[in-house]
PDB file of all heavy atoms in Angstrom:
ATOM      1  N   HIS A   1     -14.158 -20.933  -7.504  1.00  0.00           N
ATOM      2  CA  HIS A   1     -14.386 -19.534  -7.101  1.00  0.00           C
ATOM      3  C   HIS A   1     -13.550 -18.546  -7.908  1.00  0.00           C
ATOM      4  O   HIS A   1     -13.233 -17.476  -7.411  1.00  0.00           O
ATOM      5  CB  HIS A   1     -14.109 -19.350  -5.602  1.00  0.00           C
ATOM      6  CG  HIS A   1     -14.822 -20.317  -4.715  1.00  0.00           C
ATOM      7  ND1 HIS A   1     -16.168 -20.185  -4.436  1.00  0.00           N
ATOM      8  CD2 HIS A   1     -14.382 -21.432  -4.065  1.00  0.00           C
ATOM      9  CE1 HIS A   1     -16.537 -21.178  -3.622  1.00  0.00           C
ATOM     10  NE2 HIS A   1     -15.480 -21.944  -3.397  1.00  0.00           N
ATOM     11  N   TYR A   2     -13.188 -18.900  -9.132  1.00  0.00           N
ATOM     12  CA  TYR A   2     -12.368 -18.036  -9.992  1.00  0.00           C
ATOM     13  C   TYR A   2     -11.086 -17.628  -9.269  1.00  0.00           C
ATOM     14  O   TYR A   2     -10.634 -16.487  -9.366  1.00  0.00           O
ATOM     15  CB  TYR A   2     -13.152 -16.798 -10.430  1.00  0.00           C
ATOM     16  CG  TYR A   2     -14.311 -17.116 -11.339  1.00  0.00           C
ATOM     17  CD1 TYR A   2     -15.584 -17.359 -10.820  1.00  0.00           C
ATOM     18  CD2 TYR A   2     -14.141 -17.192 -12.714  1.00  0.00           C
ATOM     19  CE1 TYR A   2     -16.657 -17.662 -11.654  1.00  0.00           C
ATOM     20  CE2 TYR A   2     -15.210 -17.492 -13.558  1.00  0.00           C
ATOM     21  CZ  TYR A   2     -16.463 -17.728 -13.022  1.00  0.00           C
ATOM     22  OH  TYR A   2     -17.510 -18.030 -13.855  1.00  0.00           O
ATOM     23  N   ARG A   3     -10.505 -18.577  -8.581  1.00  0.00           N
ATOM     24  CA  ARG A   3      -9.316 -18.271  -7.774  1.00  0.00           C
ATOM     25  C   ARG A   3      -8.123 -17.963  -8.665  1.00  0.00           C
ATOM     26  O   ARG A   3      -7.834 -18.670  -9.624  1.00  0.00           O
ATOM     27  CB  ARG A   3      -8.996 -19.441  -6.842  1.00  0.00           C
ATOM     28  CG  ARG A   3      -7.691 -19.276  -6.070  1.00  0.00           C
ATOM     29  CD  ARG A   3      -7.558 -20.300  -4.986  1.00  0.00           C
ATOM     30  NE  ARG A   3      -8.538 -20.065  -3.937  1.00  0.00           N
ATOM     31  CZ  ARG A   3      -8.670 -20.848  -2.870  1.00  0.00           C
ATOM     32  NH1 ARG A   3      -7.924 -21.914  -2.732  1.00  0.00           N
ATOM     33  NH2 ARG A   3      -9.573 -20.566  -1.952  1.00  0.00           N
ATOM     34  N   ASN A   4      -7.419 -16.900  -8.314  1.00  0.00           N
ATOM     35  CA  ASN A   4      -6.176 -16.535  -8.980  1.00  0.00           C
ATOM     36  C   ASN A   4      -5.310 -15.822  -7.946  1.00  0.00           C
ATOM     37  O   ASN A   4      -5.466 -14.629  -7.711  1.00  0.00           O
ATOM     38  CB  ASN A   4      -6.451 -15.630 -10.192  1.00  0.00           C
ATOM     39  CG  ASN A   4      -5.214 -15.395 -11.039  1.00  0.00           C
ATOM     40  OD1 ASN A   4      -4.146 -15.090 -10.538  1.00  0.00           O
ATOM     41  ND2 ASN A   4      -5.383 -15.525 -12.353  1.00  0.00           N
ATOM     42  N   ILE A   5      -4.412 -16.581  -7.335  1.00  0.00           N
ATOM     43  CA  ILE A   5      -3.603 -16.045  -6.244  1.00  0.00           C
ATOM     44  C   ILE A   5      -2.738 -14.886  -6.723  1.00  0.00           C
ATOM     45  O   ILE A   5      -2.614 -13.854  -6.043  1.00  0.00           O
ATOM     46  CB  ILE A   5      -2.712 -17.144  -5.633  1.00  0.00           C
ATOM     47  CG1 ILE A   5      -3.575 -18.289  -5.069  1.00  0.00           C
ATOM     48  CG2 ILE A   5      -1.827 -16.557  -4.529  1.00  0.00           C
ATOM     49  CD1 ILE A   5      -4.454 -17.901  -3.923  1.00  0.00           C
ATOM     50  N   ALA A   6      -2.140 -15.030  -7.905  1.00  0.00           N
ATOM     51  CA  ALA A   6      -1.234 -14.001  -8.413  1.00  0.00           C
ATOM     52  C   ALA A   6      -1.962 -12.672  -8.600  1.00  0.00           C
ATOM     53  O   ALA A   6      -1.494 -11.620  -8.134  1.00  0.00           O
ATOM     54  CB  ALA A   6      -0.601 -14.453  -9.723  1.00  0.00           C
ATOM     55  N   LEU A   7      -3.104 -12.688  -9.265  1.00  0.00           N
ATOM     56  CA  LEU A   7      -3.846 -11.454  -9.489  1.00  0.00           C
ATOM     57  C   LEU A   7      -4.451 -10.914  -8.192  1.00  0.00           C
ATOM     58  O   LEU A   7      -4.573  -9.695  -8.024  1.00  0.00           O
ATOM     59  CB  LEU A   7      -4.957 -11.674 -10.523  1.00  0.00           C
ATOM     60  CG  LEU A   7      -4.509 -11.767 -11.981  1.00  0.00           C
ATOM     61  CD1 LEU A   7      -5.709 -11.935 -12.904  1.00  0.00           C
ATOM     62  CD2 LEU A   7      -3.713 -10.521 -12.383  1.00  0.00           C
ATOM     63  N   TYR A   8      -4.803 -11.794  -7.297  1.00  0.00           N
ATOM     64  CA  TYR A   8      -5.338 -11.354  -6.011  1.00  0.00           C
ATOM     65  C   TYR A   8      -4.294 -10.530  -5.260  1.00  0.00           C
ATOM     66  O   TYR A   8      -4.593  -9.459  -4.724  1.00  0.00           O
ATOM     67  CB  TYR A   8      -5.763 -12.567  -5.177  1.00  0.00           C
ATOM     68  CG  TYR A   8      -6.614 -12.237  -3.976  1.00  0.00           C
ATOM     69  CD1 TYR A   8      -7.996 -12.247  -4.062  1.00  0.00           C
ATOM     70  CD2 TYR A   8      -6.029 -11.926  -2.747  1.00  0.00           C
ATOM     71  CE1 TYR A   8      -8.791 -11.960  -2.961  1.00  0.00           C
ATOM     72  CE2 TYR A   8      -6.807 -11.630  -1.644  1.00  0.00           C
ATOM     73  CZ  TYR A   8      -8.189 -11.650  -1.752  1.00  0.00           C
ATOM     74  OH  TYR A   8      -8.963 -11.350  -0.660  1.00  0.00           O
ATOM     75  N   VAL A   9      -3.086 -11.055  -5.231  1.00  0.00           N
ATOM     76  CA  VAL A   9      -2.000 -10.336  -4.544  1.00  0.00           C
ATOM     77  C   VAL A   9      -1.672  -9.034  -5.265  1.00  0.00           C
ATOM     78  O   VAL A   9      -1.564  -7.970  -4.651  1.00  0.00           O
ATOM     79  CB  VAL A   9      -0.745 -11.223  -4.437  1.00  0.00           C
ATOM     80  CG1 VAL A   9       0.446 -10.425  -3.915  1.00  0.00           C
ATOM     81  CG2 VAL A   9      -1.014 -12.413  -3.528  1.00  0.00           C
ATOM     82  N   LEU A  10      -1.540  -9.110  -6.588  1.00  0.00           N
ATOM     83  CA  LEU A  10      -1.120  -7.941  -7.353  1.00  0.00           C
ATOM     84  C   LEU A  10      -2.200  -6.866  -7.434  1.00  0.00           C
ATOM     85  O   LEU A  10      -1.897  -5.673  -7.408  1.00  0.00           O
ATOM     86  CB  LEU A  10      -0.725  -8.369  -8.771  1.00  0.00           C
ATOM     87  CG  LEU A  10       0.567  -9.170  -8.892  1.00  0.00           C
ATOM     88  CD1 LEU A  10       0.709  -9.736 -10.298  1.00  0.00           C
ATOM     89  CD2 LEU A  10       1.766  -8.294  -8.543  1.00  0.00           C
ATOM     90  N   TYR A  11      -3.442  -7.265  -7.525  1.00  0.00           N
ATOM     91  CA  TYR A  11      -4.528  -6.291  -7.704  1.00  0.00           C
ATOM     92  C   TYR A  11      -5.143  -5.833  -6.386  1.00  0.00           C
ATOM     93  O   TYR A  11      -5.424  -4.641  -6.203  1.00  0.00           O
ATOM     94  CB  TYR A  11      -5.612  -6.879  -8.602  1.00  0.00           C
ATOM     95  CG  TYR A  11      -6.798  -5.966  -8.803  1.00  0.00           C
ATOM     96  CD1 TYR A  11      -6.684  -4.792  -9.539  1.00  0.00           C
ATOM     97  CD2 TYR A  11      -8.036  -6.276  -8.244  1.00  0.00           C
ATOM     98  CE1 TYR A  11      -7.777  -3.942  -9.715  1.00  0.00           C
ATOM     99  CE2 TYR A  11      -9.131  -5.443  -8.420  1.00  0.00           C
ATOM    100  CZ  TYR A  11      -8.990  -4.282  -9.157  1.00  0.00           C
ATOM    101  OH  TYR A  11     -10.070  -3.446  -9.321  1.00  0.00           O
ATOM    102  N   GLN A  12      -5.330  -6.768  -5.458  1.00  0.00           N
ATOM    103  CA  GLN A  12      -6.031  -6.433  -4.219  1.00  0.00           C
ATOM    104  C   GLN A  12      -5.098  -5.981  -3.098  1.00  0.00           C
ATOM    105  O   GLN A  12      -5.459  -5.111  -2.303  1.00  0.00           O
ATOM    106  CB  GLN A  12      -6.843  -7.645  -3.718  1.00  0.00           C
ATOM    107  CG  GLN A  12      -7.896  -8.150  -4.689  1.00  0.00           C
ATOM    108  CD  GLN A  12      -9.170  -7.335  -4.657  1.00  0.00           C
ATOM    109  OE1 GLN A  12      -9.133  -6.116  -4.801  1.00  0.00           O
ATOM    110  NE2 GLN A  12     -10.295  -8.002  -4.476  1.00  0.00           N
ATOM    111  N   LEU A  13      -3.900  -6.551  -3.013  1.00  0.00           N
ATOM    112  CA  LEU A  13      -3.053  -6.323  -1.842  1.00  0.00           C
ATOM    113  C   LEU A  13      -1.899  -5.360  -2.090  1.00  0.00           C
ATOM    114  O   LEU A  13      -1.676  -4.443  -1.298  1.00  0.00           O
ATOM    115  CB  LEU A  13      -2.506  -7.665  -1.334  1.00  0.00           C
ATOM    116  CG  LEU A  13      -3.548  -8.702  -0.900  1.00  0.00           C
ATOM    117  CD1 LEU A  13      -2.867  -9.946  -0.364  1.00  0.00           C
ATOM    118  CD2 LEU A  13      -4.483  -8.117   0.147  1.00  0.00           C
ATOM    119  N   VAL A  14      -1.154  -5.574  -3.171  1.00  0.00           N
ATOM    120  CA  VAL A  14       0.065  -4.777  -3.392  1.00  0.00           C
ATOM    121  C   VAL A  14      -0.228  -3.278  -3.490  1.00  0.00           C
ATOM    122  O   VAL A  14       0.457  -2.469  -2.839  1.00  0.00           O
ATOM    123  CB  VAL A  14       0.832  -5.280  -4.634  1.00  0.00           C
ATOM    124  CG1 VAL A  14       1.989  -4.350  -4.976  1.00  0.00           C
ATOM    125  CG2 VAL A  14       1.364  -6.690  -4.375  1.00  0.00           C
ATOM    126  N   PRO A  15      -1.220  -2.831  -4.280  1.00  0.00           N
ATOM    127  CA  PRO A  15      -1.499  -1.388  -4.313  1.00  0.00           C
ATOM    128  C   PRO A  15      -1.855  -0.830  -2.933  1.00  0.00           C
ATOM    129  O   PRO A  15      -1.466   0.294  -2.599  1.00  0.00           O
ATOM    130  CB  PRO A  15      -2.683  -1.271  -5.285  1.00  0.00           C
ATOM    131  CG  PRO A  15      -2.582  -2.485  -6.136  1.00  0.00           C
ATOM    132  CD  PRO A  15      -2.081  -3.560  -5.232  1.00  0.00           C
ATOM    133  N   LEU A  16      -2.577  -1.605  -2.142  1.00  0.00           N
ATOM    134  CA  LEU A  16      -2.944  -1.159  -0.799  1.00  0.00           C
ATOM    135  C   LEU A  16      -1.701  -0.982   0.070  1.00  0.00           C
ATOM    136  O   LEU A  16      -1.580   0.002   0.818  1.00  0.00           O
ATOM    137  CB  LEU A  16      -3.903  -2.160  -0.157  1.00  0.00           C
ATOM    138  CG  LEU A  16      -4.411  -1.811   1.251  1.00  0.00           C
ATOM    139  CD1 LEU A  16      -5.181  -0.502   1.224  1.00  0.00           C
ATOM    140  CD2 LEU A  16      -5.289  -2.951   1.789  1.00  0.00           C
ATOM    141  N   ILE A  17      -0.762  -1.915  -0.040  1.00  0.00           N
ATOM    142  CA  ILE A  17       0.492  -1.807   0.715  1.00  0.00           C
ATOM    143  C   ILE A  17       1.263  -0.556   0.296  1.00  0.00           C
ATOM    144  O   ILE A  17       1.773   0.193   1.142  1.00  0.00           O
ATOM    145  CB  ILE A  17       1.348  -3.067   0.501  1.00  0.00           C
ATOM    146  CG1 ILE A  17       0.676  -4.292   1.145  1.00  0.00           C
ATOM    147  CG2 ILE A  17       2.756  -2.881   1.074  1.00  0.00           C
ATOM    148  CD1 ILE A  17       1.335  -5.607   0.798  1.00  0.00           C
ATOM    149  N   PHE A  18       1.340  -0.314  -0.999  1.00  0.00           N
ATOM    150  CA  PHE A  18       2.038   0.875  -1.492  1.00  0.00           C
ATOM    151  C   PHE A  18       1.379   2.150  -0.975  1.00  0.00           C
ATOM    152  O   PHE A  18       2.060   3.106  -0.579  1.00  0.00           O
ATOM    153  CB  PHE A  18       2.048   0.883  -3.021  1.00  0.00           C
ATOM    154  CG  PHE A  18       2.942  -0.157  -3.650  1.00  0.00           C
ATOM    155  CD1 PHE A  18       2.798  -0.487  -4.991  1.00  0.00           C
ATOM    156  CD2 PHE A  18       3.906  -0.816  -2.906  1.00  0.00           C
ATOM    157  CE1 PHE A  18       3.612  -1.440  -5.582  1.00  0.00           C
ATOM    158  CE2 PHE A  18       4.730  -1.779  -3.486  1.00  0.00           C
ATOM    159  CZ  PHE A  18       4.575  -2.090  -4.826  1.00  0.00           C
ATOM    160  N   LEU A  19       0.045   2.181  -0.985  1.00  0.00           N
ATOM    161  CA  LEU A  19      -0.673   3.377  -0.547  1.00  0.00           C
ATOM    162  C   LEU A  19      -0.489   3.626   0.949  1.00  0.00           C
ATOM    163  O   LEU A  19      -0.272   4.773   1.375  1.00  0.00           O
ATOM    164  CB  LEU A  19      -2.160   3.249  -0.881  1.00  0.00           C
ATOM    165  CG  LEU A  19      -2.519   3.299  -2.365  1.00  0.00           C
ATOM    166  CD1 LEU A  19      -3.996   2.996  -2.572  1.00  0.00           C
ATOM    167  CD2 LEU A  19      -2.178   4.656  -2.961  1.00  0.00           C
ATOM    168  N   VAL A  20      -0.567   2.575   1.751  1.00  0.00           N
ATOM    169  CA  VAL A  20      -0.372   2.731   3.195  1.00  0.00           C
ATOM    170  C   VAL A  20       1.043   3.224   3.477  1.00  0.00           C
ATOM    171  O   VAL A  20       1.250   4.135   4.301  1.00  0.00           O
ATOM    172  CB  VAL A  20      -0.648   1.398   3.923  1.00  0.00           C
ATOM    173  CG1 VAL A  20      -0.198   1.488   5.377  1.00  0.00           C
ATOM    174  CG2 VAL A  20      -2.125   1.036   3.850  1.00  0.00           C
ATOM    175  N   ALA A  21       2.031   2.659   2.777  1.00  0.00           N
ATOM    176  CA  ALA A  21       3.413   3.097   2.967  1.00  0.00           C
ATOM    177  C   ALA A  21       3.584   4.562   2.576  1.00  0.00           C
ATOM    178  O   ALA A  21       4.302   5.324   3.237  1.00  0.00           O
ATOM    179  CB  ALA A  21       4.361   2.218   2.143  1.00  0.00           C
ATOM    180  N   PHE A  22       2.903   4.984   1.497  1.00  0.00           N
ATOM    181  CA  PHE A  22       2.964   6.385   1.076  1.00  0.00           C
ATOM    182  C   PHE A  22       2.441   7.304   2.173  1.00  0.00           C
ATOM    183  O   PHE A  22       3.083   8.306   2.535  1.00  0.00           O
ATOM    184  CB  PHE A  22       2.146   6.576  -0.201  1.00  0.00           C
ATOM    185  CG  PHE A  22       1.849   8.018  -0.541  1.00  0.00           C
ATOM    186  CD1 PHE A  22       2.807   8.818  -1.128  1.00  0.00           C
ATOM    187  CD2 PHE A  22       0.596   8.562  -0.258  1.00  0.00           C
ATOM    188  CE1 PHE A  22       2.537  10.148  -1.426  1.00  0.00           C
ATOM    189  CE2 PHE A  22       0.322   9.885  -0.558  1.00  0.00           C
ATOM    190  CZ  PHE A  22       1.296  10.685  -1.142  1.00  0.00           C
ATOM    191  N   PHE A  23       1.270   6.987   2.719  1.00  0.00           N
ATOM    192  CA  PHE A  23       0.677   7.840   3.740  1.00  0.00           C
ATOM    193  C   PHE A  23       1.519   7.860   5.012  1.00  0.00           C
ATOM    194  O   PHE A  23       1.650   8.906   5.663  1.00  0.00           O
ATOM    195  CB  PHE A  23      -0.747   7.378   4.046  1.00  0.00           C
ATOM    196  CG  PHE A  23      -1.736   7.746   2.985  1.00  0.00           C
ATOM    197  CD1 PHE A  23      -2.341   6.781   2.194  1.00  0.00           C
ATOM    198  CD2 PHE A  23      -2.060   9.073   2.754  1.00  0.00           C
ATOM    199  CE1 PHE A  23      -3.246   7.126   1.205  1.00  0.00           C
ATOM    200  CE2 PHE A  23      -2.965   9.435   1.773  1.00  0.00           C
ATOM    201  CZ  PHE A  23      -3.554   8.459   0.990  1.00  0.00           C
ATOM    202  N   VAL A  24       2.120   6.734   5.372  1.00  0.00           N
ATOM    203  CA  VAL A  24       2.969   6.696   6.571  1.00  0.00           C
ATOM    204  C   VAL A  24       4.214   7.555   6.371  1.00  0.00           C
ATOM    205  O   VAL A  24       4.569   8.380   7.237  1.00  0.00           O
ATOM    206  CB  VAL A  24       3.352   5.248   6.908  1.00  0.00           C
ATOM    207  CG1 VAL A  24       4.439   5.223   7.992  1.00  0.00           C
ATOM    208  CG2 VAL A  24       2.140   4.454   7.378  1.00  0.00           C
ATOM    209  N   LEU A  25       4.889   7.380   5.241  1.00  0.00           N
ATOM    210  CA  LEU A  25       6.109   8.145   4.975  1.00  0.00           C
ATOM    211  C   LEU A  25       5.828   9.642   4.903  1.00  0.00           C
ATOM    212  O   LEU A  25       6.595  10.458   5.440  1.00  0.00           O
ATOM    213  CB  LEU A  25       6.750   7.668   3.674  1.00  0.00           C
ATOM    214  CG  LEU A  25       7.431   6.304   3.704  1.00  0.00           C
ATOM    215  CD1 LEU A  25       7.894   5.903   2.310  1.00  0.00           C
ATOM    216  CD2 LEU A  25       8.613   6.308   4.670  1.00  0.00           C
ATOM    217  N   GLU A  26       4.730  10.022   4.252  1.00  0.00           N
ATOM    218  CA  GLU A  26       4.404  11.438   4.143  1.00  0.00           C
ATOM    219  C   GLU A  26       4.004  12.015   5.497  1.00  0.00           C
ATOM    220  O   GLU A  26       4.330  13.175   5.805  1.00  0.00           O
ATOM    221  CB  GLU A  26       3.282  11.651   3.132  1.00  0.00           C
ATOM    222  CG  GLU A  26       3.656  11.353   1.689  1.00  0.00           C
ATOM    223  CD  GLU A  26       4.597  12.401   1.098  1.00  0.00           C
ATOM    224  OE1 GLU A  26       5.381  13.025   1.845  1.00  0.00           O
ATOM    225  OE2 GLU A  26       4.554  12.585  -0.122  1.00  0.00           O
ATOM    226  N   SER A  27       3.337  11.233   6.316  1.00  0.00           N
ATOM    227  CA  SER A  27       2.960  11.710   7.647  1.00  0.00           C
ATOM    228  C   SER A  27       4.200  11.973   8.498  1.00  0.00           C
ATOM    229  O   SER A  27       4.289  12.993   9.206  1.00  0.00           O
ATOM    230  CB  SER A  27       2.056  10.684   8.344  1.00  0.00           C
ATOM    231  OG  SER A  27       0.850  10.504   7.629  1.00  0.00           O
ATOM    232  N   VAL A  28       5.154  11.061   8.445  1.00  0.00           N
ATOM    233  CA  VAL A  28       6.405  11.256   9.187  1.00  0.00           C
ATOM    234  C   VAL A  28       7.132  12.492   8.682  1.00  0.00           C
ATOM    235  O   VAL A  28       7.657  13.294   9.461  1.00  0.00           O
ATOM    236  CB  VAL A  28       7.294  10.006   9.063  1.00  0.00           C
ATOM    237  CG1 VAL A  28       8.676  10.269   9.661  1.00  0.00           C
ATOM    238  CG2 VAL A  28       6.643   8.811   9.748  1.00  0.00           C
ATOM    239  N   LEU A  29       7.166  12.665   7.379  1.00  0.00           N
ATOM    240  CA  LEU A  29       7.842  13.820   6.783  1.00  0.00           C
ATOM    241  C   LEU A  29       7.220  15.130   7.266  1.00  0.00           C
ATOM    242  O   LEU A  29       7.934  16.071   7.653  1.00  0.00           O
ATOM    243  CB  LEU A  29       7.767  13.735   5.260  1.00  0.00           C
ATOM    244  CG  LEU A  29       8.374  14.904   4.484  1.00  0.00           C
ATOM    245  CD1 LEU A  29       9.880  14.929   4.659  1.00  0.00           C
ATOM    246  CD2 LEU A  29       8.002  14.816   3.010  1.00  0.00           C
ATOM    247  N   VAL A  30       5.899  15.203   7.243  1.00  0.00           N
ATOM    248  CA  VAL A  30       5.213  16.443   7.610  1.00  0.00           C
ATOM    249  C   VAL A  30       5.333  16.722   9.105  1.00  0.00           C
ATOM    250  O   VAL A  30       5.643  17.846   9.519  1.00  0.00           O
ATOM    251  CB  VAL A  30       3.729  16.380   7.196  1.00  0.00           C
ATOM    252  CG1 VAL A  30       2.961  17.549   7.783  1.00  0.00           C
ATOM    253  CG2 VAL A  30       3.606  16.372   5.681  1.00  0.00           C
ATOM    254  N   LEU A  31       5.104  15.698   9.925  1.00  0.00           N
ATOM    255  CA  LEU A  31       5.054  15.921  11.369  1.00  0.00           C
ATOM    256  C   LEU A  31       6.436  15.993  12.012  1.00  0.00           C
ATOM    257  O   LEU A  31       6.662  16.815  12.915  1.00  0.00           O
ATOM    258  CB  LEU A  31       4.233  14.809  12.033  1.00  0.00           C
ATOM    259  CG  LEU A  31       2.759  14.725  11.612  1.00  0.00           C
ATOM    260  CD1 LEU A  31       2.096  13.504  12.229  1.00  0.00           C
ATOM    261  CD2 LEU A  31       2.011  15.997  11.989  1.00  0.00           C
ATOM    262  N   ARG A  32       7.372  15.170  11.529  1.00  0.00           N
ATOM    263  CA  ARG A  32       8.686  15.110  12.163  1.00  0.00           C
ATOM    264  C   ARG A  32       9.715  16.005  11.501  1.00  0.00           C
ATOM    265  O   ARG A  32      10.589  16.568  12.184  1.00  0.00           O
ATOM    266  CB  ARG A  32       9.186  13.657  12.151  1.00  0.00           C
ATOM    267  CG  ARG A  32       8.317  12.682  12.922  1.00  0.00           C
ATOM    268  CD  ARG A  32       8.399  12.943  14.428  1.00  0.00           C
ATOM    269  NE  ARG A  32       9.734  12.726  14.933  1.00  0.00           N
ATOM    270  CZ  ARG A  32      10.218  11.544  15.314  1.00  0.00           C
ATOM    271  NH1 ARG A  32       9.432  10.470  15.249  1.00  0.00           N
ATOM    272  NH2 ARG A  32      11.440  11.432  15.780  1.00  0.00           N
ATOM    273  N   VAL A  33       9.672  16.131  10.189  1.00  0.00           N
ATOM    274  CA  VAL A  33      10.678  16.921   9.473  1.00  0.00           C
ATOM    275  C   VAL A  33      10.229  18.369   9.320  1.00  0.00           C
ATOM    276  O   VAL A  33      10.950  19.300   9.680  1.00  0.00           O
ATOM    277  CB  VAL A  33      10.981  16.307   8.094  1.00  0.00           C
ATOM    278  CG1 VAL A  33      11.999  17.147   7.335  1.00  0.00           C
ATOM    279  CG2 VAL A  33      11.505  14.876   8.249  1.00  0.00           C
ATOM    280  N   LEU A  34       9.015  18.561   8.784  1.00  0.00           N
ATOM    281  CA  LEU A  34       8.520  19.920   8.592  1.00  0.00           C
ATOM    282  C   LEU A  34       7.929  20.508   9.872  1.00  0.00           C
ATOM    283  O   LEU A  34       7.902  21.717  10.040  1.00  0.00           O
ATOM    284  CB  LEU A  34       7.467  19.947   7.484  1.00  0.00           C
ATOM    285  CG  LEU A  34       7.934  19.603   6.069  1.00  0.00           C
ATOM    286  CD1 LEU A  34       6.765  19.685   5.106  1.00  0.00           C
ATOM    287  CD2 LEU A  34       9.053  20.534   5.629  1.00  0.00           C
TER     288      LEU A  34
END
């Protein structure tokens, strides 16, 4: 199945984790700080 665990994690999962963390941190900043 063209399996590649390393690229799967790096391409499919890690950017998504970074993006979710960005939106959470910015939401807290806007709602709680500002």
